[in-house]
Amino acid sequence: MNTIRIPVDGGLSIVADELGSQSAATVVLGHGGGQTRHSWDRAGLDFAAAGYRVLNYDLLGHGESDWEPDGDYSYLRRAADLGHVAAQARGPFALVGASLGGLAAMVAVAGGLRPGALVLVDVVPRLAVAGVDRIVAFMSANPAGFASLEEAADAVSAYYPDRPRPRDPSGLARNLREGADGRLRWHWDPRFLDSRDDHGRVMDLVESSDWGAEVPTLLVRGMKSDIVDDDGVASLRALVPALEVVDIVDAGHMVAGDRNDRFNEAVLGFLRRVMPPER
């Protein structure tokens, strides 16, 4: 595995892990809002083992990628960043995006980017408002940070009670940064939450594009999630007549984290059909 920096607009850079053969078709992994590329670690290794080249990147303002000085974390900015990441592919590429990463991917393809395949992980253009509000409330809480990893793990468990609380919370350390005051805060720029105000306008652009007739698309939905409901699936199917949907019964919004085995099986089965790893 190599960790690389990819230049993007404004003199900033995106950090990505690169895995697999340089000569293989590329899978670009985009995580959800408030996460880092490490949410894909297991999936990235499995995709590389299946023969794909993998680019697993931190979204701007997240993880080790740069923060935008003017706080421009709009979907259009994220789509432009994704275009720079996808340009690292040396042949066919697929976009796999969870939540915010999936929204960025949809905006990118609506703007003309043409991957060999698109995988949307528990995200559709028209999200369930109550579920989105619950996520934003969680992410907006605790602006003063946490005194310890245990305290951060308690906050995650309160938001996501269906996922067993880990006995050892040390895995959370990669999602947190220590401030000058010694407290731990999430490893993302809190200003990115302000950019969600353009959601309706940008999704109108997504829904007015013809990308759905051109890009093979898979939706992987966590059936315990409150983000994607049946109306949301129907709205996506209206855009993508040949949409494929895999429902994972025992997973929530964090599908790959809840059931990585079933997630990988579904995605790799789709990719092997529509974009095999060999060129």
C-alpha atoms as a PDB file:
ATOM      1  CA  MET A   1       0.000   0.000   0.000  1.00  0.00           C
ATOM      2  CA  ASN A   2       1.211   3.494  -0.885  1.00  0.00           C
ATOM      3  CA  THR A   3      -0.151   6.710   0.573  1.00  0.00           C
ATOM      4  CA  ILE A   4      -0.183   9.504  -1.991  1.00  0.00           C
ATOM      5  CA  ARG A   5      -1.180  13.161  -2.198  1.00  0.00           C
ATOM      6  CA  ILE A   6      -3.339  14.227  -5.143  1.00  0.00           C
ATOM      7  CA  PRO A   7      -3.367  17.931  -6.116  1.00  0.00           C
ATOM      8  CA  VAL A   8      -6.824  19.521  -6.349  1.00  0.00           C
ATOM      9  CA  ASP A   9      -8.108  23.036  -7.000  1.00  0.00           C
ATOM     10  CA  GLY A  10      -6.841  25.948  -4.911  1.00  0.00           C
ATOM     11  CA  GLY A  11      -3.398  24.488  -4.323  1.00  0.00           C
ATOM     12  CA  LEU A  12      -4.821  21.922  -1.900  1.00  0.00           C
ATOM     13  CA  SER A  13      -4.304  18.180  -1.845  1.00  0.00           C
ATOM     14  CA  ILE A  14      -6.249  15.001  -1.171  1.00  0.00           C
ATOM     15  CA  VAL A  15      -4.620  12.079   0.640  1.00  0.00           C
ATOM     16  CA  ALA A  16      -5.324   8.582  -0.664  1.00  0.00           C
ATOM     17  CA  ASP A  17      -4.161   5.040  -0.068  1.00  0.00           C
ATOM     18  CA  GLU A  18      -3.273   3.189  -3.262  1.00  0.00           C
ATOM     19  CA  LEU A  19      -3.533  -0.604  -3.278  1.00  0.00           C
ATOM     20  CA  GLY A  20      -3.345  -3.360  -5.881  1.00  0.00           C
ATOM     21  CA  SER A  21      -1.885  -3.707  -9.339  1.00  0.00           C
ATOM     22  CA  GLN A  22      -1.124  -0.540 -11.282  1.00  0.00           C
ATOM     23  CA  SER A  23      -2.344  -2.211 -14.476  1.00  0.00           C
ATOM     24  CA  ALA A  24      -5.808  -3.174 -13.167  1.00  0.00           C
ATOM     25  CA  ALA A  25      -9.109  -1.345 -13.430  1.00  0.00           C
ATOM     26  CA  THR A  26      -9.458   1.151 -10.570  1.00  0.00           C
ATOM     27  CA  VAL A  27     -12.003   1.340  -7.765  1.00  0.00           C
ATOM     28  CA  VAL A  28     -12.244   4.770  -6.104  1.00  0.00           C
ATOM     29  CA  LEU A  29     -13.610   4.651  -2.545  1.00  0.00           C
ATOM     30  CA  GLY A  30     -15.277   7.771  -1.087  1.00  0.00           C
ATOM     31  CA  HIS A  31     -16.309   7.673   2.578  1.00  0.00           C
ATOM     32  CA  GLY A  32     -19.242   9.313   4.330  1.00  0.00           C
ATOM     33  CA  GLY A  33     -19.356  12.690   6.034  1.00  0.00           C
ATOM     34  CA  GLY A  34     -17.476  12.790   9.327  1.00  0.00           C
ATOM     35  CA  GLN A  35     -15.547   9.609   8.512  1.00  0.00           C
ATOM     36  CA  THR A  36     -12.090   9.029   7.046  1.00  0.00           C
ATOM     37  CA  ARG A  37     -10.690   6.689   4.435  1.00  0.00           C
ATOM     38  CA  HIS A  38     -10.031   4.160   7.188  1.00  0.00           C
ATOM     39  CA  SER A  39     -13.727   3.260   7.166  1.00  0.00           C
ATOM     40  CA  TRP A  40     -12.879   1.405   3.922  1.00  0.00           C
ATOM     41  CA  ASP A  41      -9.711  -0.334   5.104  1.00  0.00           C
ATOM     42  CA  ARG A  42     -11.084  -3.877   5.026  1.00  0.00           C
ATOM     43  CA  ALA A  43     -13.037  -3.334   1.809  1.00  0.00           C
ATOM     44  CA  GLY A  44      -9.987  -1.809   0.115  1.00  0.00           C
ATOM     45  CA  LEU A  45      -7.836  -4.825   0.934  1.00  0.00           C
ATOM     46  CA  ASP A  46     -10.504  -7.221  -0.331  1.00  0.00           C
ATOM     47  CA  PHE A  47     -11.034  -5.296  -3.581  1.00  0.00           C
ATOM     48  CA  ALA A  48      -7.277  -5.276  -4.194  1.00  0.00           C
ATOM     49  CA  ALA A  49      -7.117  -9.004  -3.462  1.00  0.00           C
ATOM     50  CA  ALA A  50      -9.874  -9.488  -6.062  1.00  0.00           C
ATOM     51  CA  GLY A  51      -7.597  -7.950  -8.691  1.00  0.00           C
ATOM     52  CA  TYR A  52      -8.566  -4.260  -8.674  1.00  0.00           C
ATOM     53  CA  ARG A  53      -6.411  -1.206  -8.161  1.00  0.00           C
ATOM     54  CA  VAL A  54      -7.898   0.776  -5.278  1.00  0.00           C
ATOM     55  CA  LEU A  55      -7.747   4.502  -4.526  1.00  0.00           C
ATOM     56  CA  ASN A  56      -9.170   5.077  -1.041  1.00  0.00           C
ATOM     57  CA  TYR A  57      -9.230   8.800  -0.324  1.00  0.00           C
ATOM     58  CA  ASP A  58      -9.986  11.244   2.487  1.00  0.00           C
ATOM     59  CA  LEU A  59     -12.563  13.809   1.368  1.00  0.00           C
ATOM     60  CA  LEU A  60     -11.441  17.420   1.580  1.00  0.00           C
ATOM     61  CA  GLY A  61     -11.712  18.629   5.168  1.00  0.00           C
ATOM     62  CA  HIS A  62     -11.514  15.064   6.505  1.00  0.00           C
ATOM     63  CA  GLY A  63      -8.723  12.860   7.793  1.00  0.00           C
ATOM     64  CA  GLU A  64      -5.328  13.787   6.393  1.00  0.00           C
ATOM     65  CA  SER A  65      -6.612  15.752   3.390  1.00  0.00           C
ATOM     66  CA  ASP A  66      -6.354  19.541   3.476  1.00  0.00           C
ATOM     67  CA  TRP A  67      -9.024  21.788   4.922  1.00  0.00           C
ATOM     68  CA  GLU A  68     -10.559  24.358   2.568  1.00  0.00           C
ATOM     69  CA  PRO A  69      -9.461  27.823   3.761  1.00  0.00           C
ATOM     70  CA  ASP A  70     -12.752  29.461   2.766  1.00  0.00           C
ATOM     71  CA  GLY A  71     -14.915  26.583   3.981  1.00  0.00           C
ATOM     72  CA  ASP A  72     -16.100  25.689   0.471  1.00  0.00           C
ATOM     73  CA  TYR A  73     -17.261  22.105   0.942  1.00  0.00           C
ATOM     74  CA  SER A  74     -20.088  22.293  -1.561  1.00  0.00           C
ATOM     75  CA  TYR A  75     -21.109  19.245  -3.567  1.00  0.00           C
ATOM     76  CA  LEU A  76     -19.766  20.918  -6.699  1.00  0.00           C
ATOM     77  CA  ARG A  77     -16.373  21.337  -5.025  1.00  0.00           C
ATOM     78  CA  ARG A  78     -16.401  17.725  -3.883  1.00  0.00           C
ATOM     79  CA  ALA A  79     -17.326  16.564  -7.391  1.00  0.00           C
ATOM     80  CA  ALA A  80     -14.362  18.510  -8.789  1.00  0.00           C
ATOM     81  CA  ASP A  81     -12.073  16.895  -6.193  1.00  0.00           C
ATOM     82  CA  LEU A  82     -13.373  13.470  -7.165  1.00  0.00           C
ATOM     83  CA  GLY A  83     -12.596  14.242 -10.794  1.00  0.00           C
ATOM     84  CA  HIS A  84      -8.945  14.824  -9.838  1.00  0.00           C
ATOM     85  CA  VAL A  85      -8.861  11.543  -7.897  1.00  0.00           C
ATOM     86  CA  ALA A  86     -10.464   9.597 -10.764  1.00  0.00           C
ATOM     87  CA  ALA A  87      -7.941  11.117 -13.172  1.00  0.00           C
ATOM     88  CA  GLN A  88      -5.282   8.997 -11.422  1.00  0.00           C
ATOM     89  CA  ALA A  89      -6.847   5.898 -13.007  1.00  0.00           C
ATOM     90  CA  ARG A  90      -4.891   4.467 -15.938  1.00  0.00           C
ATOM     91  CA  GLY A  91      -7.929   2.847 -17.514  1.00  0.00           C
ATOM     92  CA  PRO A  92     -11.511   1.969 -16.514  1.00  0.00           C
ATOM     93  CA  PHE A  93     -12.599   3.117 -13.073  1.00  0.00           C
ATOM     94  CA  ALA A  94     -15.562   2.672 -10.764  1.00  0.00           C
ATOM     95  CA  LEU A  95     -16.806   5.061  -8.095  1.00  0.00           C
ATOM     96  CA  VAL A  96     -17.943   3.609  -4.771  1.00  0.00           C
ATOM     97  CA  GLY A  97     -19.412   6.280  -2.511  1.00  0.00           C
ATOM     98  CA  ALA A  98     -21.040   6.052   0.908  1.00  0.00           C
ATOM     99  CA  SER A  99     -23.393   8.820   2.022  1.00  0.00           C
ATOM    100  CA  LEU A 100     -21.514  12.106   1.370  1.00  0.00           C
ATOM    101  CA  GLY A 101     -19.039  10.267  -0.853  1.00  0.00           C
ATOM    102  CA  GLY A 102     -21.956   8.909  -2.853  1.00  0.00           C
ATOM    103  CA  LEU A 103     -23.564  12.326  -3.217  1.00  0.00           C
ATOM    104  CA  ALA A 104     -20.256  13.692  -4.519  1.00  0.00           C
ATOM    105  CA  ALA A 105     -20.102  10.806  -7.006  1.00  0.00           C
ATOM    106  CA  MET A 106     -23.628  11.498  -8.279  1.00  0.00           C
ATOM    107  CA  VAL A 107     -22.852  15.175  -8.769  1.00  0.00           C
ATOM    108  CA  ALA A 108     -19.642  14.256 -10.585  1.00  0.00           C
ATOM    109  CA  VAL A 109     -21.383  11.904 -13.038  1.00  0.00           C
ATOM    110  CA  ALA A 110     -24.194  14.431 -13.531  1.00  0.00           C
ATOM    111  CA  GLY A 111     -21.463  16.897 -14.496  1.00  0.00           C
ATOM    112  CA  GLY A 112     -20.013  14.604 -17.129  1.00  0.00           C
ATOM    113  CA  LEU A 113     -17.613  12.208 -15.381  1.00  0.00           C
ATOM    114  CA  ARG A 114     -18.202   8.742 -16.836  1.00  0.00           C
ATOM    115  CA  PRO A 115     -17.049   5.845 -14.681  1.00  0.00           C
ATOM    116  CA  GLY A 116     -17.370   2.254 -15.774  1.00  0.00           C
ATOM    117  CA  ALA A 117     -19.608   1.663 -12.776  1.00  0.00           C
ATOM    118  CA  LEU A 118     -21.159   3.534  -9.853  1.00  0.00           C
ATOM    119  CA  VAL A 119     -21.892   2.009  -6.444  1.00  0.00           C
ATOM    120  CA  LEU A 120     -23.986   4.089  -4.042  1.00  0.00           C
ATOM    121  CA  VAL A 121     -23.830   2.953  -0.427  1.00  0.00           C
ATOM    122  CA  ASP A 122     -26.996   3.859   1.482  1.00  0.00           C
ATOM    123  CA  VAL A 123     -27.455   7.114  -0.372  1.00  0.00           C
ATOM    124  CA  VAL A 124     -29.917   8.416  -2.977  1.00  0.00           C
ATOM    125  CA  PRO A 125     -30.617  11.917  -4.323  1.00  0.00           C
ATOM    126  CA  ARG A 126     -33.698  12.353  -2.128  1.00  0.00           C
ATOM    127  CA  LEU A 127     -32.748  11.382   1.424  1.00  0.00           C
ATOM    128  CA  ALA A 128     -35.139  10.837   4.321  1.00  0.00           C
ATOM    129  CA  VAL A 129     -35.163  14.156   6.174  1.00  0.00           C
ATOM    130  CA  ALA A 130     -35.536  12.712   9.673  1.00  0.00           C
ATOM    131  CA  GLY A 131     -32.515  10.458   9.213  1.00  0.00           C
ATOM    132  CA  VAL A 132     -30.373  13.294   7.877  1.00  0.00           C
ATOM    133  CA  ASP A 133     -31.381  15.526  10.778  1.00  0.00           C
ATOM    134  CA  ARG A 134     -30.374  12.810  13.250  1.00  0.00           C
ATOM    135  CA  ILE A 135     -26.933  12.474  11.682  1.00  0.00           C
ATOM    136  CA  VAL A 136     -26.383  16.235  11.655  1.00  0.00           C
ATOM    137  CA  ALA A 137     -27.448  16.457  15.303  1.00  0.00           C
ATOM    138  CA  PHE A 138     -24.890  13.800  16.217  1.00  0.00           C
ATOM    139  CA  MET A 139     -22.120  15.466  14.224  1.00  0.00           C
ATOM    140  CA  SER A 140     -22.923  18.901  15.648  1.00  0.00           C
ATOM    141  CA  ALA A 141     -22.889  17.685  19.236  1.00  0.00           C
ATOM    142  CA  ASN A 142     -19.838  17.834  21.504  1.00  0.00           C
ATOM    143  CA  PRO A 143     -18.113  20.859  19.934  1.00  0.00           C
ATOM    144  CA  ALA A 144     -15.835  20.933  22.991  1.00  0.00           C
ATOM    145  CA  GLY A 145     -14.646  17.448  22.130  1.00  0.00           C
ATOM    146  CA  PHE A 146     -14.082  14.476  24.390  1.00  0.00           C
ATOM    147  CA  ALA A 147     -11.857  13.876  27.361  1.00  0.00           C
ATOM    148  CA  SER A 148     -11.037  10.318  26.280  1.00  0.00           C
ATOM    149  CA  LEU A 149     -11.616   7.637  23.651  1.00  0.00           C
ATOM    150  CA  GLU A 150     -14.069   6.011  26.051  1.00  0.00           C
ATOM    151  CA  GLU A 151     -16.165   9.170  26.087  1.00  0.00           C
ATOM    152  CA  ALA A 152     -16.158   9.332  22.291  1.00  0.00           C
ATOM    153  CA  ALA A 153     -17.162   5.651  22.102  1.00  0.00           C
ATOM    154  CA  ASP A 154     -20.091   6.385  24.451  1.00  0.00           C
ATOM    155  CA  ALA A 155     -21.304   9.123  22.076  1.00  0.00           C
ATOM    156  CA  VAL A 156     -21.122   6.785  19.069  1.00  0.00           C
ATOM    157  CA  SER A 157     -22.981   4.054  20.941  1.00  0.00           C
ATOM    158  CA  ALA A 158     -25.740   6.462  21.932  1.00  0.00           C
ATOM    159  CA  TYR A 159     -26.219   7.412  18.278  1.00  0.00           C
ATOM    160  CA  TYR A 160     -25.877   3.876  16.936  1.00  0.00           C
ATOM    161  CA  PRO A 161     -27.163   1.520  19.655  1.00  0.00           C
ATOM    162  CA  ASP A 162     -27.612  -1.432  17.264  1.00  0.00           C
ATOM    163  CA  ARG A 163     -23.849  -1.719  16.780  1.00  0.00           C
ATOM    164  CA  PRO A 164     -22.086  -3.450  19.710  1.00  0.00           C
ATOM    165  CA  ARG A 165     -19.885  -1.054  21.625  1.00  0.00           C
ATOM    166  CA  PRO A 166     -16.253  -2.177  21.188  1.00  0.00           C
ATOM    167  CA  ARG A 167     -14.497  -3.299  24.336  1.00  0.00           C
ATOM    168  CA  ASP A 168     -11.394  -1.550  23.076  1.00  0.00           C
ATOM    169  CA  PRO A 169     -12.205   1.904  21.612  1.00  0.00           C
ATOM    170  CA  SER A 170      -8.664   2.455  20.294  1.00  0.00           C
ATOM    171  CA  GLY A 171      -9.909   2.061  16.707  1.00  0.00           C
ATOM    172  CA  LEU A 172     -11.645   5.423  17.085  1.00  0.00           C
ATOM    173  CA  ALA A 173      -8.283   7.160  17.415  1.00  0.00           C
ATOM    174  CA  ARG A 174      -7.943   7.414  13.622  1.00  0.00           C
ATOM    175  CA  ASN A 175     -11.182   9.426  13.507  1.00  0.00           C
ATOM    176  CA  LEU A 176     -10.105  11.896  16.184  1.00  0.00           C
ATOM    177  CA  ARG A 177      -7.442  14.544  16.584  1.00  0.00           C
ATOM    178  CA  GLU A 178      -6.031  15.972  19.796  1.00  0.00           C
ATOM    179  CA  GLY A 179      -6.316  19.731  20.203  1.00  0.00           C
ATOM    180  CA  ALA A 180      -3.985  22.104  22.019  1.00  0.00           C
ATOM    181  CA  ASP A 181      -6.285  21.778  25.027  1.00  0.00           C
ATOM    182  CA  GLY A 182      -5.704  18.027  25.153  1.00  0.00           C
ATOM    183  CA  ARG A 183      -9.276  17.176  24.162  1.00  0.00           C
ATOM    184  CA  LEU A 184     -10.209  14.893  21.296  1.00  0.00           C
ATOM    185  CA  ARG A 185     -12.330  16.168  18.418  1.00  0.00           C
ATOM    186  CA  TRP A 186     -13.546  14.487  15.249  1.00  0.00           C
ATOM    187  CA  HIS A 187     -10.986  14.537  12.454  1.00  0.00           C
ATOM    188  CA  TRP A 188     -12.914  16.848  10.113  1.00  0.00           C
ATOM    189  CA  ASP A 189     -13.512  20.541   9.589  1.00  0.00           C
ATOM    190  CA  PRO A 190     -16.861  21.364  11.264  1.00  0.00           C
ATOM    191  CA  ARG A 191     -17.541  24.003   8.607  1.00  0.00           C
ATOM    192  CA  PHE A 192     -18.363  21.289   6.085  1.00  0.00           C
ATOM    193  CA  LEU A 193     -21.778  20.889   7.735  1.00  0.00           C
ATOM    194  CA  ASP A 194     -22.724  24.371   6.508  1.00  0.00           C
ATOM    195  CA  SER A 195     -22.438  23.285   2.864  1.00  0.00           C
ATOM    196  CA  ARG A 196     -25.394  20.930   2.993  1.00  0.00           C
ATOM    197  CA  ASP A 197     -27.720  23.902   2.403  1.00  0.00           C
ATOM    198  CA  ASP A 198     -27.241  23.482  -1.368  1.00  0.00           C
ATOM    199  CA  HIS A 199     -28.532  19.911  -1.326  1.00  0.00           C
ATOM    200  CA  GLY A 200     -31.897  20.531  -3.013  1.00  0.00           C
ATOM    201  CA  ARG A 201     -30.489  22.729  -5.769  1.00  0.00           C
ATOM    202  CA  VAL A 202     -27.662  20.373  -6.620  1.00  0.00           C
ATOM    203  CA  MET A 203     -29.876  17.300  -6.518  1.00  0.00           C
ATOM    204  CA  ASP A 204     -32.125  19.038  -9.045  1.00  0.00           C
ATOM    205  CA  LEU A 205     -29.076  19.128 -11.326  1.00  0.00           C
ATOM    206  CA  VAL A 206     -28.433  15.439 -10.669  1.00  0.00           C
ATOM    207  CA  GLU A 207     -32.001  14.542 -11.548  1.00  0.00           C
ATOM    208  CA  SER A 208     -31.973  16.601 -14.749  1.00  0.00           C
ATOM    209  CA  SER A 209     -28.920  14.795 -16.142  1.00  0.00           C
ATOM    210  CA  ASP A 210     -29.044  11.676 -18.324  1.00  0.00           C
ATOM    211  CA  TRP A 211     -26.228   9.875 -16.506  1.00  0.00           C
ATOM    212  CA  GLY A 212     -28.565   7.168 -15.224  1.00  0.00           C
ATOM    213  CA  ALA A 213     -29.024   5.763 -18.715  1.00  0.00           C
ATOM    214  CA  GLU A 214     -25.270   5.549 -19.296  1.00  0.00           C
ATOM    215  CA  VAL A 215     -23.603   4.402 -16.060  1.00  0.00           C
ATOM    216  CA  PRO A 216     -24.214   0.913 -14.598  1.00  0.00           C
ATOM    217  CA  THR A 217     -25.344   1.629 -11.046  1.00  0.00           C
ATOM    218  CA  LEU A 218     -25.744  -0.432  -7.889  1.00  0.00           C
ATOM    219  CA  LEU A 219     -27.414   0.761  -4.690  1.00  0.00           C
ATOM    220  CA  VAL A 220     -26.428  -1.100  -1.523  1.00  0.00           C
ATOM    221  CA  ARG A 221     -28.950  -0.260   1.181  1.00  0.00           C
ATOM    222  CA  GLY A 222     -28.753  -0.969   4.905  1.00  0.00           C
ATOM    223  CA  MET A 223     -32.246  -1.986   5.925  1.00  0.00           C
ATOM    224  CA  LYS A 224     -31.758  -0.686   9.493  1.00  0.00           C
ATOM    225  CA  SER A 225     -30.880   2.749   8.107  1.00  0.00           C
ATOM    226  CA  ASP A 226     -33.219   5.722   8.449  1.00  0.00           C
ATOM    227  CA  ILE A 227     -31.481   7.608   5.623  1.00  0.00           C
ATOM    228  CA  VAL A 228     -32.778   5.764   2.549  1.00  0.00           C
ATOM    229  CA  ASP A 229     -36.470   4.865   2.438  1.00  0.00           C
ATOM    230  CA  ASP A 230     -38.580   3.281  -0.295  1.00  0.00           C
ATOM    231  CA  ASP A 231     -39.490   6.677  -1.749  1.00  0.00           C
ATOM    232  CA  GLY A 232     -35.796   7.493  -2.028  1.00  0.00           C
ATOM    233  CA  VAL A 233     -35.115   4.238  -3.854  1.00  0.00           C
ATOM    234  CA  ALA A 234     -37.986   4.965  -6.214  1.00  0.00           C
ATOM    235  CA  SER A 235     -36.544   8.424  -6.946  1.00  0.00           C
ATOM    236  CA  LEU A 236     -33.201   6.878  -7.859  1.00  0.00           C
ATOM    237  CA  ARG A 237     -34.814   4.177  -9.984  1.00  0.00           C
ATOM    238  CA  ALA A 238     -36.599   6.907 -11.963  1.00  0.00           C
ATOM    239  CA  LEU A 239     -33.138   8.231 -12.895  1.00  0.00           C
ATOM    240  CA  VAL A 240     -31.523   4.830 -13.419  1.00  0.00           C
ATOM    241  CA  PRO A 241     -33.945   2.459 -15.187  1.00  0.00           C
ATOM    242  CA  ALA A 242     -31.497  -0.459 -14.953  1.00  0.00           C
ATOM    243  CA  LEU A 243     -30.694   0.213 -11.280  1.00  0.00           C
ATOM    244  CA  GLU A 244     -29.606  -2.817  -9.278  1.00  0.00           C
ATOM    245  CA  VAL A 245     -30.416  -2.842  -5.556  1.00  0.00           C
ATOM    246  CA  VAL A 246     -28.987  -5.037  -2.812  1.00  0.00           C
ATOM    247  CA  ASP A 247     -30.696  -4.762   0.582  1.00  0.00           C
ATOM    248  CA  ILE A 248     -28.581  -5.884   3.545  1.00  0.00           C
ATOM    249  CA  VAL A 249     -31.060  -6.722   6.278  1.00  0.00           C
ATOM    250  CA  ASP A 250     -28.758  -6.591   9.301  1.00  0.00           C
ATOM    251  CA  ALA A 251     -26.891  -3.388   8.425  1.00  0.00           C
ATOM    252  CA  GLY A 252     -27.558   0.263   9.141  1.00  0.00           C
ATOM    253  CA  HIS A 253     -26.269   3.391   7.424  1.00  0.00           C
ATOM    254  CA  MET A 254     -22.646   2.292   7.956  1.00  0.00           C
ATOM    255  CA  VAL A 255     -23.201  -0.700   5.694  1.00  0.00           C
ATOM    256  CA  ALA A 256     -19.574  -1.679   5.057  1.00  0.00           C
ATOM    257  CA  GLY A 257     -18.755  -1.388   8.742  1.00  0.00           C
ATOM    258  CA  ASP A 258     -21.799  -3.355   9.879  1.00  0.00           C
ATOM    259  CA  ARG A 259     -21.552  -6.241   7.397  1.00  0.00           C
ATOM    260  CA  ASN A 260     -18.314  -5.939   5.479  1.00  0.00           C
ATOM    261  CA  ASP A 261     -18.594  -9.535   4.264  1.00  0.00           C
ATOM    262  CA  ARG A 262     -21.982  -9.113   2.613  1.00  0.00           C
ATOM    263  CA  PHE A 263     -21.091  -5.649   1.352  1.00  0.00           C
ATOM    264  CA  ASN A 264     -17.939  -6.876  -0.383  1.00  0.00           C
ATOM    265  CA  GLU A 265     -19.775  -9.848  -1.853  1.00  0.00           C
ATOM    266  CA  ALA A 266     -22.468  -7.622  -3.357  1.00  0.00           C
ATOM    267  CA  VAL A 267     -20.098  -4.985  -4.732  1.00  0.00           C
ATOM    268  CA  LEU A 268     -17.526  -7.385  -6.131  1.00  0.00           C
ATOM    269  CA  GLY A 269     -20.233  -9.463  -7.786  1.00  0.00           C
ATOM    270  CA  PHE A 270     -21.524  -6.332  -9.519  1.00  0.00           C
ATOM    271  CA  LEU A 271     -18.108  -4.987 -10.503  1.00  0.00           C
ATOM    272  CA  ARG A 272     -16.906  -8.282 -11.950  1.00  0.00           C
ATOM    273  CA  ARG A 273     -19.887  -8.269 -14.311  1.00  0.00           C
ATOM    274  CA  VAL A 274     -19.822  -4.650 -15.456  1.00  0.00           C
ATOM    275  CA  MET A 275     -16.121  -3.743 -15.020  1.00  0.00           C
ATOM    276  CA  PRO A 276     -13.778  -6.724 -14.627  1.00  0.00           C
ATOM    277  CA  PRO A 277     -10.377  -5.979 -13.058  1.00  0.00           C
ATOM    278  CA  GLU A 278      -8.463  -7.021 -16.174  1.00  0.00           C
ATOM    279  CA  ARG A 279      -8.391  -4.428 -18.945  1.00  0.00           C
END
